[in-house]
Amino acid sequence: MGLFMNTYEFILRRLALPVQKIIRSLLIGLPIFLGACGGSSNLNGSAIEPVNTGSALEVPDSGAVSVGAVSSPLPAGWWKGAFMQVYVRAYQDSDGDGKGDLKGLVQRLDYLQDLGVKGLWLLPVTQSSDRDHGYAVKNYRAIESDYGTQADFELLISEAHKRGIGVVVDFVINHSSNQHPLFLNSSSSAMNAQRNYFVWQNPKPSGWQIYGQDPWHASNWANGFYFAGFSNTMPDFNWRAAEVEQFHHDNLRYWLNKGVDGFRFDAVGNLVENSSTAWEVQPENHAIMNKVRQTLMQYNQRYMVCEAPANSGAFAENSSCGSAFAFDLSGSIVGAAKGDVSAIQKLADYYKTRTSNLAPFVSNHDRFAGDRLWNQLQGNVAQYKLAAASYLLLPGTPYIYYGEEIGMAASDTLTGDWALRTPMSWTADARGFSTGSPFRSLSSNIGTQNVAQQLNDAASLHQHYKKLLALRNSQTALSSGTYEGAWSQQKTMGFQRVAGNEKVMVILNFDTANANVSVGSLVPGEVWSALAGSSNGSTVNTAGVMQFSLPAQSFAVLKKN
């Protein structure tokens, strides 16, 4: 019996998952039958049913990893420059298969360096079962084969570092793929040794609704229901289990030892669920992410940022992630660019009470965070430039979604998130992205908004972004200074960024008419010189007021002499 079952499991584990399920369902009563025919029995001669512990598939991304080399070639505070968020599949294809890859990204590092980017956030590049967005991870230590090899990844890190660019990878900490070996083992039997890696209940809990759906799903192989808040294909890890913490921290060290400069953590508000009414941003999540932060801090000059739309501020604190995306700011940036007075007020006030660990952005790969900026502003270039000036000069680490610097629009033939994740518009057609057929339809405005068309156009969005990033990179006050003296008046606003004796003032006129601006509470006789924008500078009068005029839909950046 033991030999038979061992052979059966050996063969079964090498079959495709659907075939495994069919065979298991047919043979579910086999151990009892064999026991009755002369298999295992107790002293009274009655049959004993062997305990079904299910499968024991190899888990290639498990195993202890110690802290390796901790030094970094990047300068202190490198992450205070702007990041580019890159969807590798859509960025640059190097081999003609129609899909972007790591070698393609390496080919575009000079472009990113010239633009002024200081960091890259890569959407998941690990092996996944979805073979697209990458958030259904199958192996936390393997590179997705469409993107290349470990050697390609290491080359990317090396070449990015030569250009002073840090690389942050997306780490899916809340869930895995339902094809991950850990979940296949966990779901194969209620008695499996790896059952506790995921969240199981029996009977099925009632009264749950998350994002419009029931998060509890029946296992095909064993009694019980597993929790998956986003999709039945992405089961949630059980973060109450010590083995889950160990698994993830080992994998973090694996990539840190390879030289990555940090992580963007997905869905950190969803790590622990306490009830059907307390399933998001629970207190335990902060403790989990603080431990993660401690692991990163064992390495020099590393950085992490978290996705937590429901309570970004709490996760940005040093007792939690230490940095998080400012989801509650992006709407105000876009609204201000459109001239909405209440949005302008909210934008001016935001960092008065919030930590500079909150990272501003205006769009990303998820539809819930907003459409592509071009679509949100309906192609209004003047508003677009104001939105860029607003968030790239604010505190925090700004994030640019790939193609935003040229005004890429969403696809008009796709829906949902896919419309936001189109191939990069390098040229007026697909050939700049790939010599083959692109894996997905293109941006709807690729003919007019592309890199080739904008590189040498002084009035282009690309050149606008390049000037703003050069300004941020050259002024310590703009990259890491405090946020002071913020004000708003109707459709104008302003603020100062201060680092020691260095003071930089930013003033924005969102109105479609010229504006006469008076900035008070300054030191009489101070001279402020123009750094960028529409002003020639000014001197503060004896009343401590500086006055000047700003053209319609323009901005000015000045520095105290």
Protein backbone atom coordinates (compact mmCIF):
# COMPACT_ATOMS: atom_id res chain seq x y z
CA MET A 1 0.00 0.00 0.00
CA GLY A 2 2.74 2.46 0.99
CA LEU A 3 4.73 1.71 -2.14
CA PHE A 4 1.61 2.02 -4.31
CA MET A 5 0.61 5.37 -2.82
CA ASN A 6 4.15 6.75 -3.10
CA THR A 7 4.28 5.77 -6.77
CA TYR A 8 0.77 7.18 -7.31
CA GLU A 9 1.74 10.54 -5.78
CA PHE A 10 5.02 10.61 -7.75
CA ILE A 11 3.17 10.22 -11.05
CA LEU A 12 0.25 12.41 -10.09
CA ARG A 13 2.35 15.45 -9.20
CA ARG A 14 3.81 15.48 -12.69
CA LEU A 15 0.44 15.65 -14.42
CA ALA A 16 -1.33 18.85 -15.44
CA LEU A 17 -3.53 20.26 -12.67
CA PRO A 18 -6.90 19.44 -14.35
CA VAL A 19 -5.80 15.82 -14.80
CA GLN A 20 -4.65 15.68 -11.16
CA LYS A 21 -8.09 16.79 -10.03
CA ILE A 22 -9.90 14.15 -12.09
CA ILE A 23 -7.69 11.30 -10.86
CA ARG A 24 -7.93 12.42 -7.24
CA SER A 25 -11.72 12.54 -7.44
CA LEU A 26 -11.84 9.01 -8.89
CA LEU A 27 -9.42 7.57 -6.35
CA ILE A 28 -10.65 9.37 -3.26
CA GLY A 29 -11.89 6.08 -1.72
CA LEU A 30 -8.86 4.02 -2.74
CA PRO A 31 -7.02 3.93 0.64
CA ILE A 32 -10.07 2.43 2.41
CA PHE A 33 -10.56 -0.13 -0.37
CA LEU A 34 -6.93 -1.28 -0.24
CA GLY A 35 -7.01 -1.53 3.55
CA ALA A 36 -10.03 -3.86 3.35
CA CYS A 37 -8.19 -6.07 0.82
CA GLY A 38 -5.26 -6.83 3.07
CA GLY A 39 -3.79 -3.34 3.56
CA SER A 40 -3.40 -1.60 6.94
CA SER A 41 -5.46 -2.95 9.84
CA ASN A 42 -5.60 -2.62 13.61
CA LEU A 43 -5.18 -5.43 16.16
CA ASN A 44 -8.87 -6.35 15.87
CA GLY A 45 -8.52 -6.89 12.14
CA SER A 46 -10.65 -3.87 11.06
CA ALA A 47 -9.42 -1.53 8.32
CA ILE A 48 -7.65 1.70 9.18
CA GLU A 49 -7.99 4.61 6.78
CA PRO A 50 -4.55 6.18 6.16
CA VAL A 51 -4.41 9.90 6.90
CA ASN A 52 -4.65 11.81 3.63
CA THR A 53 -1.98 14.49 3.85
CA GLY A 54 -2.25 15.33 0.17
CA SER A 55 0.62 16.38 -2.05
CA ALA A 56 4.18 17.39 -1.19
CA LEU A 57 5.20 19.34 -4.26
CA GLU A 58 8.61 20.94 -4.22
CA VAL A 59 8.53 24.66 -3.35
CA PRO A 60 11.48 26.18 -5.24
CA ASP A 61 11.11 29.64 -3.67
CA SER A 62 11.34 28.43 -0.08
CA GLY A 63 14.40 27.97 2.09
CA ALA A 64 16.46 30.18 4.36
CA VAL A 65 18.29 33.16 2.91
CA SER A 66 20.75 35.13 5.05
CA VAL A 67 21.64 38.79 4.74
CA GLY A 68 24.24 39.15 2.00
CA ALA A 69 26.13 42.19 0.71
CA VAL A 70 24.49 45.28 2.19
CA SER A 71 26.33 48.13 0.43
CA SER A 72 24.77 50.27 -2.30
CA PRO A 73 26.51 52.14 -5.13
CA LEU A 74 23.79 54.82 -5.14
CA PRO A 75 24.08 58.19 -3.38
CA ALA A 76 22.34 58.86 -0.08
CA GLY A 77 18.68 59.69 -0.52
CA TRP A 78 18.65 58.65 -4.18
CA TRP A 79 14.93 57.81 -3.85
CA LYS A 80 14.00 61.47 -3.35
CA GLY A 81 14.26 61.96 -7.10
CA ALA A 82 11.38 61.03 -9.39
CA PHE A 83 10.55 57.41 -10.23
CA MET A 84 9.32 55.97 -13.49
CA GLN A 85 6.77 53.18 -13.12
CA VAL A 86 7.52 50.62 -15.83
CA TYR A 87 5.38 47.75 -17.06
CA VAL A 88 8.21 45.68 -18.55
CA ARG A 89 5.92 43.75 -20.93
CA ALA A 90 4.87 47.04 -22.51
CA TYR A 91 8.10 49.03 -22.48
CA GLN A 92 10.60 47.73 -25.06
CA ASP A 93 10.87 44.43 -26.93
CA SER A 94 14.42 43.34 -27.70
CA ASP A 95 13.81 40.03 -29.50
CA GLY A 96 10.84 40.64 -31.81
CA ASP A 97 8.29 38.45 -30.00
CA GLY A 98 5.97 41.43 -29.45
CA LYS A 99 6.49 41.53 -25.68
CA GLY A 100 8.72 43.88 -23.74
CA ASP A 101 11.60 42.35 -21.81
CA LEU A 102 14.47 43.17 -19.47
CA LYS A 103 17.03 43.54 -22.26
CA GLY A 104 14.69 46.00 -23.93
CA LEU A 105 14.48 48.02 -20.73
CA VAL A 106 18.29 48.07 -20.53
CA GLN A 107 18.32 49.56 -24.03
CA ARG A 108 16.15 52.45 -22.80
CA LEU A 109 18.13 53.33 -19.66
CA ASP A 110 19.94 56.16 -21.44
CA TYR A 111 16.57 57.70 -22.29
CA LEU A 112 15.45 57.48 -18.67
CA GLN A 113 18.74 58.91 -17.40
CA ASP A 114 18.49 61.81 -19.86
CA LEU A 115 14.92 62.49 -18.73
CA GLY A 116 16.15 62.84 -15.15
CA VAL A 117 14.62 59.76 -13.55
CA LYS A 118 16.35 58.54 -10.37
CA GLY A 119 14.39 55.35 -9.73
CA LEU A 120 12.47 52.61 -11.54
CA TRP A 121 9.47 50.78 -10.15
CA LEU A 122 9.00 47.57 -12.12
CA LEU A 123 5.60 45.91 -12.10
CA PRO A 124 6.05 42.22 -11.15
CA VAL A 125 8.80 40.49 -13.12
CA THR A 126 8.58 37.17 -11.26
CA GLN A 127 7.07 34.02 -12.74
CA SER A 128 3.28 34.23 -12.73
CA SER A 129 0.31 32.17 -13.84
CA ASP A 130 -1.45 35.15 -15.45
CA ARG A 131 1.53 35.80 -17.78
CA ASP A 132 0.51 39.43 -18.02
CA HIS A 133 0.11 41.77 -15.05
CA GLY A 134 2.21 39.42 -12.90
CA TYR A 135 0.32 39.66 -9.61
CA ALA A 136 -0.50 35.93 -9.56
CA VAL A 137 2.99 34.82 -8.53
CA LYS A 138 4.01 31.18 -9.06
CA ASN A 139 7.64 31.49 -8.00
CA TYR A 140 9.00 34.41 -5.98
CA ARG A 141 12.59 33.64 -7.00
CA ALA A 142 12.19 33.12 -10.75
CA ILE A 143 12.08 35.73 -13.53
CA GLU A 144 9.09 35.50 -15.87
CA SER A 145 10.45 33.71 -18.95
CA ASP A 146 8.87 36.25 -21.34
CA TYR A 147 11.07 38.90 -19.72
CA GLY A 148 14.36 37.01 -19.85
CA THR A 149 16.69 35.40 -17.34
CA GLN A 150 18.25 36.05 -13.96
CA ALA A 151 21.35 37.20 -15.83
CA ASP A 152 19.25 39.75 -17.73
CA PHE A 153 17.85 41.03 -14.45
CA GLU A 154 21.29 41.33 -12.91
CA LEU A 155 22.45 43.20 -16.02
CA LEU A 156 19.56 45.64 -15.61
CA ILE A 157 20.52 46.31 -11.98
CA SER A 158 24.16 46.85 -12.91
CA GLU A 159 23.45 49.15 -15.85
CA ALA A 160 20.85 51.16 -13.94
CA HIS A 161 23.31 51.69 -11.09
CA LYS A 162 25.95 52.94 -13.54
CA ARG A 163 23.48 55.69 -14.45
CA GLY A 164 22.61 56.55 -10.87
CA ILE A 165 19.18 54.91 -11.12
CA GLY A 166 17.78 52.64 -8.41
CA VAL A 167 15.55 49.67 -9.20
CA VAL A 168 12.56 48.82 -7.04
CA VAL A 169 10.58 45.66 -7.83
CA ASP A 170 6.93 44.97 -7.13
CA PHE A 171 6.53 42.40 -4.35
CA VAL A 172 3.15 40.65 -4.01
CA ILE A 173 2.94 40.11 -0.27
CA ASN A 174 -0.79 39.55 0.24
CA HIS A 175 -1.46 36.58 -2.05
CA SER A 176 0.04 34.13 -4.51
CA SER A 177 -1.19 32.34 -7.59
CA ASN A 178 -3.46 29.35 -7.04
CA GLN A 179 -0.82 27.52 -9.12
CA HIS A 180 1.94 28.21 -6.60
CA PRO A 181 3.22 24.89 -5.14
CA LEU A 182 2.48 26.10 -1.62
CA PHE A 183 -1.19 26.55 -2.45
CA LEU A 184 -1.40 23.30 -4.43
CA ASN A 185 -0.07 21.49 -1.38
CA SER A 186 -2.22 23.45 1.04
CA SER A 187 -5.40 22.79 -0.93
CA SER A 188 -4.71 19.08 -1.50
CA SER A 189 -5.71 18.05 2.03
CA ALA A 190 -6.97 19.56 5.26
CA MET A 191 -4.09 17.66 6.92
CA ASN A 192 -1.35 18.93 4.60
CA ALA A 193 1.82 20.20 6.28
CA GLN A 194 1.51 23.49 4.36
CA ARG A 195 -2.20 24.00 4.98
CA ASN A 196 -1.54 26.92 7.33
CA TYR A 197 0.16 29.04 4.67
CA PHE A 198 -3.28 30.13 3.46
CA VAL A 199 -6.57 31.09 5.10
CA TRP A 200 -9.03 28.18 5.37
CA GLN A 201 -12.45 27.84 6.99
CA ASN A 202 -15.03 25.08 7.17
CA PRO A 203 -17.95 25.59 7.04
CA LYS A 204 -17.94 28.53 4.67
CA PRO A 205 -18.28 31.89 6.49
CA SER A 206 -21.35 33.90 5.56
CA GLY A 207 -22.03 37.60 5.13
CA TRP A 208 -18.78 38.50 3.36
CA GLN A 209 -18.54 40.88 0.40
CA ILE A 210 -15.24 42.32 -0.82
CA TYR A 211 -15.05 44.42 -3.97
CA GLY A 212 -18.52 43.19 -4.89
CA GLN A 213 -17.87 39.46 -4.53
CA ASP A 214 -17.79 36.65 -1.98
CA PRO A 215 -14.09 36.10 -1.06
CA TRP A 216 -14.54 32.50 0.16
CA HIS A 217 -13.97 29.79 -2.46
CA ALA A 218 -14.40 26.03 -2.34
CA SER A 219 -11.32 23.86 -2.74
CA ASN A 220 -11.51 21.29 -5.52
CA TRP A 221 -9.46 18.76 -3.58
CA ALA A 222 -10.26 19.03 0.12
CA ASN A 223 -13.00 20.00 2.51
CA GLY A 224 -12.80 23.68 3.30
CA PHE A 225 -13.03 27.12 1.79
CA TYR A 226 -10.06 29.37 1.11
CA PHE A 227 -10.00 33.16 1.31
CA ALA A 228 -9.10 35.17 -1.79
CA GLY A 229 -10.10 38.82 -1.63
CA PHE A 230 -9.19 39.76 -5.20
CA SER A 231 -9.82 36.62 -7.26
CA ASN A 232 -10.20 32.89 -6.75
CA THR A 233 -6.97 32.57 -8.76
CA MET A 234 -5.03 34.54 -6.13
CA PRO A 235 -5.48 33.04 -2.62
CA ASP A 236 -4.47 35.17 0.36
CA PHE A 237 -1.55 34.16 2.56
CA ASN A 238 -2.27 33.51 6.24
CA TRP A 239 -0.20 36.27 7.82
CA ARG A 240 -0.98 34.96 11.31
CA ALA A 241 1.36 32.06 10.56
CA ALA A 242 5.06 32.43 11.40
CA GLU A 243 6.00 30.31 8.39
CA VAL A 244 4.43 32.88 6.04
CA GLU A 245 6.52 35.66 7.56
CA GLN A 246 9.66 33.55 7.22
CA PHE A 247 8.82 32.65 3.61
CA HIS A 248 8.44 36.27 2.54
CA HIS A 249 11.41 37.65 4.46
CA ASP A 250 13.65 34.97 2.93
CA ASN A 251 12.45 36.00 -0.53
CA LEU A 252 12.99 39.68 0.21
CA ARG A 253 16.58 38.90 1.20
CA TYR A 254 16.96 36.82 -1.96
CA TRP A 255 16.34 39.88 -4.15
CA LEU A 256 18.16 42.32 -1.88
CA ASN A 257 21.22 40.08 -2.10
CA LYS A 258 20.96 40.38 -5.89
CA GLY A 259 21.26 44.14 -5.57
CA VAL A 260 17.69 45.42 -5.88
CA ASP A 261 17.25 48.79 -4.24
CA GLY A 262 13.90 48.13 -2.63
CA PHE A 263 10.30 47.13 -3.16
CA ARG A 264 6.85 48.41 -3.93
CA PHE A 265 4.47 46.33 -1.81
CA ASP A 266 1.10 45.46 -3.25
CA ALA A 267 -2.17 45.58 -1.30
CA VAL A 268 -0.72 45.97 2.18
CA GLY A 269 -4.13 47.04 3.50
CA ASN A 270 -5.43 43.51 2.85
CA LEU A 271 -2.95 41.37 4.79
CA VAL A 272 -5.12 40.38 7.77
CA GLU A 273 -8.90 39.99 8.03
CA ASN A 274 -10.59 39.99 11.42
CA SER A 275 -14.24 39.77 10.32
CA SER A 276 -16.63 40.48 7.47
CA THR A 277 -16.71 44.11 8.59
CA ALA A 278 -13.04 44.41 9.54
CA TRP A 279 -11.09 43.07 6.60
CA GLU A 280 -9.06 46.10 5.47
CA VAL A 281 -6.30 48.25 7.05
CA GLN A 282 -6.31 46.23 10.26
CA PRO A 283 -3.78 47.11 13.03
CA GLU A 284 -1.87 43.86 12.48
CA ASN A 285 -0.92 45.03 8.97
CA HIS A 286 1.25 47.83 10.32
CA ALA A 287 3.18 45.46 12.55
CA ILE A 288 3.77 43.13 9.60
CA MET A 289 5.04 45.91 7.37
CA ASN A 290 7.20 47.38 10.12
CA LYS A 291 9.00 44.02 10.38
CA VAL A 292 9.45 44.07 6.61
CA ARG A 293 10.93 47.55 6.89
CA GLN A 294 13.35 46.31 9.55
CA THR A 295 14.56 43.63 7.14
CA LEU A 296 15.20 46.25 4.45
CA MET A 297 17.01 48.47 6.90
CA GLN A 298 19.64 45.75 7.36
CA TYR A 299 20.79 46.82 3.88
CA ASN A 300 22.30 50.20 3.00
CA GLN A 301 20.33 52.85 1.04
CA ARG A 302 17.23 50.69 0.39
CA TYR A 303 13.73 52.09 -0.05
CA MET A 304 10.18 50.75 0.07
CA VAL A 305 6.75 52.16 -0.75
CA CYS A 306 3.33 50.66 -0.09
CA GLU A 307 -0.03 50.55 -1.84
CA ALA A 308 -2.79 51.21 0.70
CA PRO A 309 -5.57 53.32 -0.87
CA ALA A 310 -7.90 53.05 2.13
CA ASN A 311 -5.47 54.66 4.60
CA SER A 312 -2.27 55.79 2.92
CA GLY A 313 -1.27 58.16 5.70
CA ALA A 314 -1.11 55.47 8.38
CA PHE A 315 1.05 53.19 6.22
CA ALA A 316 3.40 56.07 5.37
CA GLU A 317 4.41 56.41 9.03
CA ASN A 318 7.75 55.03 10.20
CA SER A 319 5.93 52.61 12.49
CA SER A 320 4.54 50.93 9.35
CA CYS A 321 5.87 51.00 5.76
CA GLY A 322 7.63 54.34 6.09
CA SER A 323 6.32 55.44 2.67
CA ALA A 324 3.04 55.06 0.77
CA PHE A 325 1.32 56.39 -2.33
CA ALA A 326 -0.81 59.52 -1.81
CA PHE A 327 -4.02 58.11 -3.27
CA ASP A 328 -6.06 60.90 -1.71
CA LEU A 329 -4.04 63.60 -3.46
CA SER A 330 -4.13 62.66 -7.15
CA GLY A 331 -7.73 63.84 -7.64
CA SER A 332 -6.85 67.26 -6.23
CA ILE A 333 -3.88 67.59 -8.59
CA VAL A 334 -6.03 66.85 -11.62
CA GLY A 335 -8.90 69.00 -10.34
CA ALA A 336 -6.56 71.92 -9.69
CA ALA A 337 -5.15 71.67 -13.22
CA LYS A 338 -8.72 72.03 -14.48
CA GLY A 339 -9.15 75.19 -12.39
CA ASP A 340 -11.40 73.80 -9.67
CA VAL A 341 -11.09 76.19 -6.71
CA SER A 342 -11.83 73.60 -4.01
CA ALA A 343 -9.26 71.20 -5.51
CA ILE A 344 -6.67 73.99 -5.55
CA GLN A 345 -7.32 74.62 -1.86
CA LYS A 346 -6.98 70.91 -1.03
CA LEU A 347 -3.76 70.69 -3.03
CA ALA A 348 -2.24 73.67 -1.22
CA ASP A 349 -3.24 72.30 2.18
CA TYR A 350 -2.32 68.64 1.70
CA TYR A 351 1.27 68.56 2.97
CA LYS A 352 0.54 71.06 5.75
CA THR A 353 -0.71 68.19 7.89
CA ARG A 354 0.62 65.08 6.15
CA THR A 355 4.03 63.44 6.15
CA SER A 356 6.39 63.94 3.23
CA ASN A 357 6.63 60.13 3.14
CA LEU A 358 3.45 60.21 1.04
CA ALA A 359 4.38 59.83 -2.64
CA PRO A 360 2.41 61.93 -5.18
CA PHE A 361 1.25 60.61 -8.57
CA VAL A 362 -1.51 61.30 -11.08
CA SER A 363 -2.03 57.90 -12.74
CA ASN A 364 -0.81 54.31 -12.66
CA HIS A 365 -1.58 50.82 -13.98
CA ASP A 366 -4.88 50.45 -12.10
CA ARG A 367 -8.14 51.93 -13.36
CA PHE A 368 -9.36 52.58 -9.80
CA ALA A 369 -6.49 55.04 -9.35
CA GLY A 370 -7.60 57.05 -12.38
CA ASP A 371 -7.38 57.02 -16.15
CA ARG A 372 -4.26 58.01 -18.04
CA LEU A 373 -3.60 61.70 -17.35
CA TRP A 374 -4.13 62.56 -21.03
CA ASN A 375 -7.63 61.11 -20.84
CA GLN A 376 -8.42 62.73 -17.50
CA LEU A 377 -7.55 66.14 -18.96
CA GLN A 378 -8.98 65.38 -22.41
CA GLY A 379 -5.71 66.28 -24.08
CA ASN A 380 -5.50 69.82 -22.71
CA VAL A 381 -1.74 70.38 -22.86
CA ALA A 382 -1.74 73.57 -20.74
CA GLN A 383 -3.57 71.76 -17.93
CA TYR A 384 -1.29 68.75 -18.37
CA LYS A 385 1.82 70.88 -17.84
CA LEU A 386 0.32 72.45 -14.72
CA ALA A 387 -0.49 69.03 -13.26
CA ALA A 388 3.10 67.93 -13.90
CA ALA A 389 4.55 71.06 -12.28
CA SER A 390 2.26 70.57 -9.29
CA TYR A 391 3.20 67.05 -8.30
CA LEU A 392 6.83 66.95 -9.45
CA LEU A 393 7.69 69.91 -7.20
CA LEU A 394 5.79 68.74 -4.11
CA PRO A 395 7.31 66.86 -1.14
CA GLY A 396 7.53 63.10 -1.26
CA THR A 397 8.85 60.86 -4.04
CA PRO A 398 6.87 61.55 -7.25
CA TYR A 399 5.94 58.64 -9.53
CA ILE A 400 5.56 59.03 -13.30
CA TYR A 401 3.60 56.31 -15.09
CA TYR A 402 5.49 55.23 -18.22
CA GLY A 403 4.45 57.31 -21.23
CA GLU A 404 2.98 60.04 -19.07
CA GLU A 405 5.96 62.24 -19.93
CA ILE A 406 4.79 62.33 -23.57
CA GLY A 407 1.03 62.39 -23.01
CA MET A 408 0.25 58.77 -23.87
CA ALA A 409 -3.48 58.10 -23.92
CA ALA A 410 -5.27 54.88 -23.06
CA SER A 411 -6.24 52.46 -25.82
CA ASP A 412 -9.65 53.12 -27.33
CA THR A 413 -10.09 49.44 -28.27
CA LEU A 414 -9.53 47.98 -24.80
CA THR A 415 -11.38 48.26 -21.50
CA GLY A 416 -10.47 48.23 -17.82
CA ASP A 417 -6.86 48.07 -16.69
CA TRP A 418 -5.71 46.67 -20.05
CA ALA A 419 -6.45 50.01 -21.74
CA LEU A 420 -3.88 51.64 -19.42
CA ARG A 421 -1.16 49.04 -20.04
CA THR A 422 -0.42 49.50 -23.73
CA PRO A 423 2.98 49.35 -25.47
CA MET A 424 5.15 52.43 -25.01
CA SER A 425 4.77 55.02 -27.79
CA TRP A 426 8.38 55.39 -28.89
CA THR A 427 7.49 56.24 -32.49
CA ALA A 428 4.34 57.07 -34.43
CA ASP A 429 3.73 53.37 -34.98
CA ALA A 430 4.47 50.07 -33.25
CA ARG A 431 7.94 49.67 -34.73
CA GLY A 432 9.57 51.71 -31.99
CA PHE A 433 8.34 49.15 -29.46
CA SER A 434 8.84 45.90 -31.39
CA THR A 435 9.84 44.54 -34.78
CA GLY A 436 7.10 41.96 -34.27
CA SER A 437 3.38 42.18 -33.65
CA PRO A 438 2.72 43.89 -30.29
CA PHE A 439 1.09 41.76 -27.61
CA ARG A 440 -1.67 44.36 -27.17
CA SER A 441 -3.24 47.23 -29.10
CA LEU A 442 -1.53 50.61 -28.98
CA SER A 443 -2.25 53.95 -27.34
CA SER A 444 -5.01 55.79 -29.19
CA ASN A 445 -2.83 58.87 -29.77
CA ILE A 446 0.45 57.21 -30.72
CA GLY A 447 0.48 59.07 -34.05
CA THR A 448 0.81 62.47 -32.39
CA GLN A 449 2.12 61.77 -28.87
CA ASN A 450 5.33 59.78 -29.12
CA VAL A 451 8.96 60.12 -28.03
CA ALA A 452 10.45 60.56 -31.50
CA GLN A 453 8.16 63.52 -32.21
CA GLN A 454 8.86 65.25 -28.87
CA LEU A 455 12.56 64.77 -28.15
CA ASN A 456 13.68 67.93 -29.96
CA ASP A 457 10.53 70.01 -29.54
CA ALA A 458 11.19 72.64 -26.86
CA ALA A 459 7.45 73.09 -26.27
CA SER A 460 6.70 69.36 -25.90
CA LEU A 461 5.52 67.55 -22.80
CA HIS A 462 8.71 65.50 -22.82
CA GLN A 463 10.87 68.62 -22.63
CA HIS A 464 8.56 70.04 -19.93
CA TYR A 465 9.05 66.93 -17.77
CA LYS A 466 12.79 66.95 -18.43
CA LYS A 467 13.10 70.59 -17.26
CA LEU A 468 11.04 69.93 -14.14
CA LEU A 469 13.12 66.89 -13.21
CA ALA A 470 16.36 68.78 -13.81
CA LEU A 471 15.06 71.47 -11.49
CA ARG A 472 14.12 68.97 -8.79
CA ASN A 473 17.46 67.17 -9.10
CA SER A 474 19.50 70.39 -8.88
CA GLN A 475 17.75 71.97 -5.88
CA THR A 476 18.03 70.24 -2.52
CA ALA A 477 15.03 72.22 -1.26
CA LEU A 478 12.84 70.73 -4.01
CA SER A 479 14.03 67.14 -3.61
CA SER A 480 14.06 66.91 0.17
CA GLY A 481 13.12 70.24 1.73
CA THR A 482 10.21 70.97 4.05
CA TYR A 483 6.87 72.32 2.85
CA GLU A 484 6.20 75.82 4.20
CA GLY A 485 4.15 78.97 3.67
CA ALA A 486 1.51 77.31 1.51
CA TRP A 487 -1.45 79.43 0.45
CA SER A 488 -4.23 79.49 -2.13
CA GLN A 489 -6.43 82.29 -3.45
CA GLN A 490 -9.15 81.42 -5.93
CA LYS A 491 -7.29 79.87 -8.88
CA THR A 492 -3.73 80.57 -7.74
CA MET A 493 -1.61 78.89 -5.09
CA GLY A 494 1.95 78.80 -3.88
CA PHE A 495 4.34 77.21 -1.39
CA GLN A 496 7.97 77.21 -0.36
CA ARG A 497 10.39 74.30 -0.12
CA VAL A 498 13.11 74.89 2.46
CA ALA A 499 16.38 73.03 3.15
CA GLY A 500 18.64 74.88 5.57
CA ASN A 501 19.34 78.31 4.08
CA GLU A 502 18.05 77.25 0.66
CA LYS A 503 14.54 78.47 -0.12
CA VAL A 504 12.60 77.80 -3.32
CA MET A 505 9.15 79.21 -4.03
CA VAL A 506 6.61 77.63 -6.40
CA ILE A 507 3.58 79.63 -7.62
CA LEU A 508 0.89 78.28 -9.94
CA ASN A 509 -1.83 80.08 -11.84
CA PHE A 510 -4.53 77.58 -12.85
CA ASP A 511 -6.77 80.31 -14.27
CA THR A 512 -7.32 80.90 -17.98
CA ALA A 513 -6.66 84.60 -17.31
CA ASN A 514 -3.56 86.44 -16.15
CA ALA A 515 -3.18 86.74 -12.37
CA ASN A 516 -1.63 89.44 -10.21
CA VAL A 517 -0.03 87.63 -7.28
CA SER A 518 0.94 89.03 -3.87
CA VAL A 519 2.95 86.79 -1.56
CA GLY A 520 3.16 88.03 2.02
CA SER A 521 4.97 87.19 5.27
CA LEU A 522 8.38 87.53 3.62
CA VAL A 523 11.49 89.39 4.78
CA PRO A 524 11.64 92.99 3.47
CA GLY A 525 14.41 93.52 0.94
CA GLU A 526 14.79 89.83 0.05
CA VAL A 527 15.52 89.20 -3.62
CA TRP A 528 14.05 86.14 -5.32
CA SER A 529 15.50 85.12 -8.68
CA ALA A 530 13.71 83.09 -11.33
CA LEU A 531 14.67 79.42 -11.72
CA ALA A 532 11.94 78.34 -14.13
CA GLY A 533 8.57 79.30 -15.50
CA SER A 534 7.08 82.68 -16.35
CA SER A 535 8.51 85.08 -13.73
CA ASN A 536 11.64 87.20 -13.94
CA GLY A 537 11.96 87.31 -10.19
CA SER A 538 11.11 90.05 -7.71
CA THR A 539 12.14 91.93 -4.57
CA VAL A 540 10.15 91.89 -1.34
CA ASN A 541 8.84 95.37 -0.43
CA THR A 542 9.05 97.04 2.99
CA ALA A 543 5.72 95.48 4.01
CA GLY A 544 7.12 91.99 3.46
CA VAL A 545 5.12 91.45 0.27
CA MET A 546 6.36 90.30 -3.13
CA GLN A 547 4.20 91.17 -6.12
CA PHE A 548 4.30 90.02 -9.71
CA SER A 549 2.07 88.92 -12.56
CA LEU A 550 1.66 85.40 -13.88
CA PRO A 551 0.27 84.65 -17.36
CA ALA A 552 -2.74 82.39 -17.72
CA GLN A 553 -2.17 78.69 -16.96
CA SER A 554 1.47 79.11 -16.03
CA PHE A 555 3.79 78.66 -13.07
CA ALA A 556 6.92 80.24 -11.65
CA VAL A 557 9.77 78.80 -9.59
CA LEU A 558 11.96 81.30 -7.73
CA LYS A 559 14.92 80.98 -5.38
CA LYS A 560 15.91 83.33 -2.57
CA ASN A 561 19.27 84.94 -3.24
